C-alpha atoms as a PDB file:
ATOM      1  CA  MET A   1      93.281  85.827  75.322  1.00  0.00           C
ATOM      2  CA  ILE A   2      95.971  87.286  77.784  1.00  0.00           C
ATOM      3  CA  PHE A   3      95.896  90.705  78.855  1.00  0.00           C
ATOM      4  CA  THR A   4      97.519  93.508  80.598  1.00  0.00           C
ATOM      5  CA  VAL A   5      95.709  96.285  83.035  1.00  0.00           C
ATOM      6  CA  HIS A   6      97.318  99.757  83.984  1.00  0.00           C
ATOM      7  CA  VAL A   7      95.871 101.485  86.433  1.00  0.00           C
ATOM      8  CA  LEU A   8      96.422 105.422  87.200  1.00  0.00           C
ATOM      9  CA  ALA A   9      93.523 106.183  88.058  1.00  0.00           C
ATOM     10  CA  ALA A  10      93.169 106.509  91.869  1.00  0.00           C
ATOM     11  CA  PRO A  11      89.984 104.607  93.889  1.00  0.00           C
ATOM     12  CA  TYR A  12      86.975 107.490  94.088  1.00  0.00           C
ATOM     13  CA  SER A  13      88.501 110.288  92.405  1.00  0.00           C
ATOM     14  CA  HIS A  14      88.130 108.610  88.643  1.00  0.00           C
ATOM     15  CA  GLN A  15      86.011 106.585  87.115  1.00  0.00           C
ATOM     16  CA  GLY A  16      89.149 104.872  85.980  1.00  0.00           C
ATOM     17  CA  ASN A  17      89.892 102.336  88.879  1.00  0.00           C
ATOM     18  CA  LEU A  18      86.693 100.875  88.894  1.00  0.00           C
ATOM     19  CA  SER A  19      86.044 100.807  85.046  1.00  0.00           C
ATOM     20  CA  ALA A  20      89.432  99.168  85.659  1.00  0.00           C
ATOM     21  CA  LEU A  21      88.148  96.894  88.050  1.00  0.00           C
ATOM     22  CA  ARG A  22      85.062  96.162  85.931  1.00  0.00           C
ATOM     23  CA  PHE A  23      87.036  94.956  82.792  1.00  0.00           C
ATOM     24  CA  CYS A  24      89.179  92.689  84.893  1.00  0.00           C
ATOM     25  CA  GLN A  25      85.530  90.855  86.539  1.00  0.00           C
ATOM     26  CA  ALA A  26      84.389  90.470  82.698  1.00  0.00           C
ATOM     27  CA  ALA A  27      87.603  89.505  80.675  1.00  0.00           C
ATOM     28  CA  ILE A  28      87.522  86.568  83.655  1.00  0.00           C
ATOM     29  CA  ALA A  29      83.837  85.946  83.398  1.00  0.00           C
ATOM     30  CA  ALA A  30      84.261  85.283  79.863  1.00  0.00           C
ATOM     31  CA  GLU A  31      87.622  83.359  80.318  1.00  0.00           C
ATOM     32  CA  HIS A  32      90.419  85.532  79.353  1.00  0.00           C
ATOM     33  CA  ARG A  33      93.519  85.404  81.549  1.00  0.00           C
ATOM     34  CA  ILE A  34      94.750  88.975  83.194  1.00  0.00           C
ATOM     35  CA  LYS A  35      98.530  88.470  83.302  1.00  0.00           C
ATOM     36  CA  ARG A  36      98.638  91.761  85.713  1.00  0.00           C
ATOM     37  CA  VAL A  37      97.434  94.629  87.057  1.00  0.00           C
ATOM     38  CA  PHE A  38     100.080  97.348  87.549  1.00  0.00           C
ATOM     39  CA  PHE A  39      98.614 100.205  89.556  1.00  0.00           C
ATOM     40  CA  SER A  40     101.042 103.679  88.425  1.00  0.00           C
ATOM     41  CA  GLY A  41     100.195 107.189  89.246  1.00  0.00           C
ATOM     42  CA  ASP A  42      97.676 107.758  92.064  1.00  0.00           C
ATOM     43  CA  GLY A  43      96.600 104.397  90.947  1.00  0.00           C
ATOM     44  CA  VAL A  44      99.035 103.404  94.055  1.00  0.00           C
ATOM     45  CA  LEU A  45      96.264 104.588  96.143  1.00  0.00           C
ATOM     46  CA  THR A  46      94.289 101.429  95.755  1.00  0.00           C
ATOM     47  CA  GLY A  47      97.194  99.196  97.772  1.00  0.00           C
ATOM     48  CA  THR A  48      96.634 101.288 100.678  1.00  0.00           C
ATOM     49  CA  GLU A  49      95.266  98.741 104.184  1.00  0.00           C
ATOM     50  CA  LEU A  50      94.139 102.181 105.651  1.00  0.00           C
ATOM     51  CA  ALA A  51      91.722 102.948 103.571  1.00  0.00           C
ATOM     52  CA  SER A  52      87.679 102.331 104.889  1.00  0.00           C
ATOM     53  CA  PRO A  53      84.803 103.848 102.128  1.00  0.00           C
ATOM     54  CA  PRO A  54      81.747 104.305 103.111  1.00  0.00           C
ATOM     55  CA  GLN A  55      79.327 101.245 103.728  1.00  0.00           C
ATOM     56  CA  ASP A  56      77.546 102.396 101.461  1.00  0.00           C
ATOM     57  CA  GLU A  57      79.515 102.900  98.798  1.00  0.00           C
ATOM     58  CA  ILE A  58      81.746  99.997  96.631  1.00  0.00           C
ATOM     59  CA  ASN A  59      84.441  99.170  98.699  1.00  0.00           C
ATOM     60  CA  LEU A  60      87.560  98.461  95.694  1.00  0.00           C
ATOM     61  CA  TYR A  61      89.741  97.836  98.175  1.00  0.00           C
ATOM     62  CA  SER A  62      88.167  94.501  99.370  1.00  0.00           C
ATOM     63  CA  ALA A  63      86.856  94.231  95.593  1.00  0.00           C
ATOM     64  CA  TRP A  64      90.660  94.504  94.038  1.00  0.00           C
ATOM     65  CA  ASN A  65      91.919  92.234  96.982  1.00  0.00           C
ATOM     66  CA  GLU A  66      88.908  89.580  95.982  1.00  0.00           C
ATOM     67  CA  LEU A  67      89.746  89.616  92.862  1.00  0.00           C
ATOM     68  CA  ASN A  68      93.721  88.971  93.497  1.00  0.00           C
ATOM     69  CA  GLU A  69      92.309  85.950  95.797  1.00  0.00           C
ATOM     70  CA  SER A  70      89.764  84.125  93.905  1.00  0.00           C
ATOM     71  CA  HIS A  71      91.741  84.656  90.695  1.00  0.00           C
ATOM     72  CA  SER A  72      95.228  84.691  91.298  1.00  0.00           C
ATOM     73  CA  VAL A  73      95.671  88.244  89.568  1.00  0.00           C
ATOM     74  CA  GLU A  74      99.174  89.186  90.487  1.00  0.00           C
ATOM     75  CA  LEU A  75      97.896  93.410  91.559  1.00  0.00           C
ATOM     76  CA  VAL A  76     101.354  95.142  91.257  1.00  0.00           C
ATOM     77  CA  VAL A  77     102.208  98.367  92.692  1.00  0.00           C
ATOM     78  CA  CYS A  78     104.600 100.671  91.987  1.00  0.00           C
ATOM     79  CA  ILE A  79     107.110 101.843  94.162  1.00  0.00           C
ATOM     80  CA  SER A  80     108.047 104.256  93.454  1.00  0.00           C
ATOM     81  CA  ALA A  81     105.096 106.130  92.916  1.00  0.00           C
ATOM     82  CA  CYS A  82     104.124 104.004  96.673  1.00  0.00           C
ATOM     83  CA  LEU A  83     107.448 105.867  97.975  1.00  0.00           C
ATOM     84  CA  ARG A  84     105.708 109.109  97.141  1.00  0.00           C
ATOM     85  CA  ARG A  85     102.389 108.632  98.309  1.00  0.00           C
ATOM     86  CA  GLY A  86     103.301 107.121 101.450  1.00  0.00           C
ATOM     87  CA  ILE A  87     102.691 103.810 100.949  1.00  0.00           C
ATOM     88  CA  ILE A  88     105.148 101.161 102.001  1.00  0.00           C
ATOM     89  CA  ASN A  89     105.716  97.651 103.095  1.00  0.00           C
ATOM     90  CA  ALA A  90     107.511  95.781 105.654  1.00  0.00           C
ATOM     91  CA  SER A  91     110.710  95.725 104.226  1.00  0.00           C
ATOM     92  CA  GLU A  92     111.084  99.318 102.967  1.00  0.00           C
ATOM     93  CA  ALA A  93     109.605 100.795 106.109  1.00  0.00           C
ATOM     94  CA  ALA A  94     112.466  99.032 108.135  1.00  0.00           C
ATOM     95  CA  ARG A  95     114.527 100.559 105.049  1.00  0.00           C
ATOM     96  CA  TYR A  96     113.608 104.341 105.286  1.00  0.00           C
ATOM     97  CA  GLU A  97     113.332 103.590 109.532  1.00  0.00           C
ATOM     98  CA  LYS A  98     109.560 104.274 109.488  1.00  0.00           C
ATOM     99  CA  SER A  99     107.304 103.187 112.678  1.00  0.00           C
ATOM    100  CA  ALA A 100     104.647 101.203 110.548  1.00  0.00           C
ATOM    101  CA  SER A 101     103.768 100.013 107.190  1.00  0.00           C
ATOM    102  CA  ASN A 102     100.705 100.224 105.546  1.00  0.00           C
ATOM    103  CA  LEU A 103     100.602  98.219 101.866  1.00  0.00           C
ATOM    104  CA  ALA A 104      97.440  95.413 101.671  1.00  0.00           C
ATOM    105  CA  PRO A 105      97.719  91.868 101.589  1.00  0.00           C
ATOM    106  CA  GLY A 106      97.961  90.741  97.913  1.00  0.00           C
ATOM    107  CA  PHE A 107      99.769  93.748  96.847  1.00  0.00           C
ATOM    108  CA  VAL A 108     103.372  93.403  95.640  1.00  0.00           C
ATOM    109  CA  LEU A 109     105.852  96.728  95.265  1.00  0.00           C
ATOM    110  CA  SER A 110     107.546  96.210  92.377  1.00  0.00           C
ATOM    111  CA  GLY A 111     109.108  98.544  89.736  1.00  0.00           C
ATOM    112  CA  LEU A 112     108.035  99.314  86.150  1.00  0.00           C
ATOM    113  CA  GLY A 113     109.821  96.535  84.169  1.00  0.00           C
ATOM    114  CA  GLN A 114     106.883  94.636  85.375  1.00  0.00           C
ATOM    115  CA  LEU A 115     104.409  96.314  84.331  1.00  0.00           C
ATOM    116  CA  VAL A 116     107.097  96.135  80.533  1.00  0.00           C
ATOM    117  CA  GLU A 117     107.590  92.589  80.864  1.00  0.00           C
ATOM    118  CA  ALA A 118     103.744  91.892  80.879  1.00  0.00           C
ATOM    119  CA  GLY A 119     103.208  93.786  78.126  1.00  0.00           C
ATOM    120  CA  LEU A 120     105.589  91.402  76.633  1.00  0.00           C
ATOM    121  CA  GLU A 121     103.515  88.960  77.797  1.00  0.00           C
ATOM    122  CA  SER A 122     100.131  89.520  76.871  1.00  0.00           C
ATOM    123  CA  GLU A 123      98.133  89.802  73.933  1.00  0.00           C
ATOM    124  CA  ARG A 124      96.929  93.673  74.856  1.00  0.00           C
ATOM    125  CA  LEU A 125      97.697  95.850  77.750  1.00  0.00           C
ATOM    126  CA  ILE A 126      95.109  98.592  78.573  1.00  0.00           C
ATOM    127  CA  THR A 127      95.399 101.414  80.602  1.00  0.00           C
ATOM    128  CA  PHE A 128      92.592 102.770  82.870  1.00  0.00           C
ATOM    129  CA  GLY A 129      92.747 106.518  84.149  1.00  0.00           C
ATOM    130  CA  ALA A 130      94.192 109.613  83.404  1.00  0.00           C
END
């Protein structure tokens, strides 16, 4: 089965982010395919390169990146939600004349159309978060 996962929950402030990660891991272990994970709303905070959670907590940032690297799961963050929350890549930093970028490797900035497209190409679209 092919899944698209939509994550609305910020890391550490809502169970939805961790639940989405665990769902993706379980689906892959069961030999299903994750077409794309699309982060929007506060979920885009998952794409920051600057967060450093305490060592005694699961590092959701690293775990999502590991999913991307190990299984080629596409991680897309909504560009409009990112701009509102101060998460940008190098090209957006230049466009808005910002001094730095902070989008983590493995994440891609794109629009809501990526969620729609993935949903059409998947058998199930599952949303996690508030």
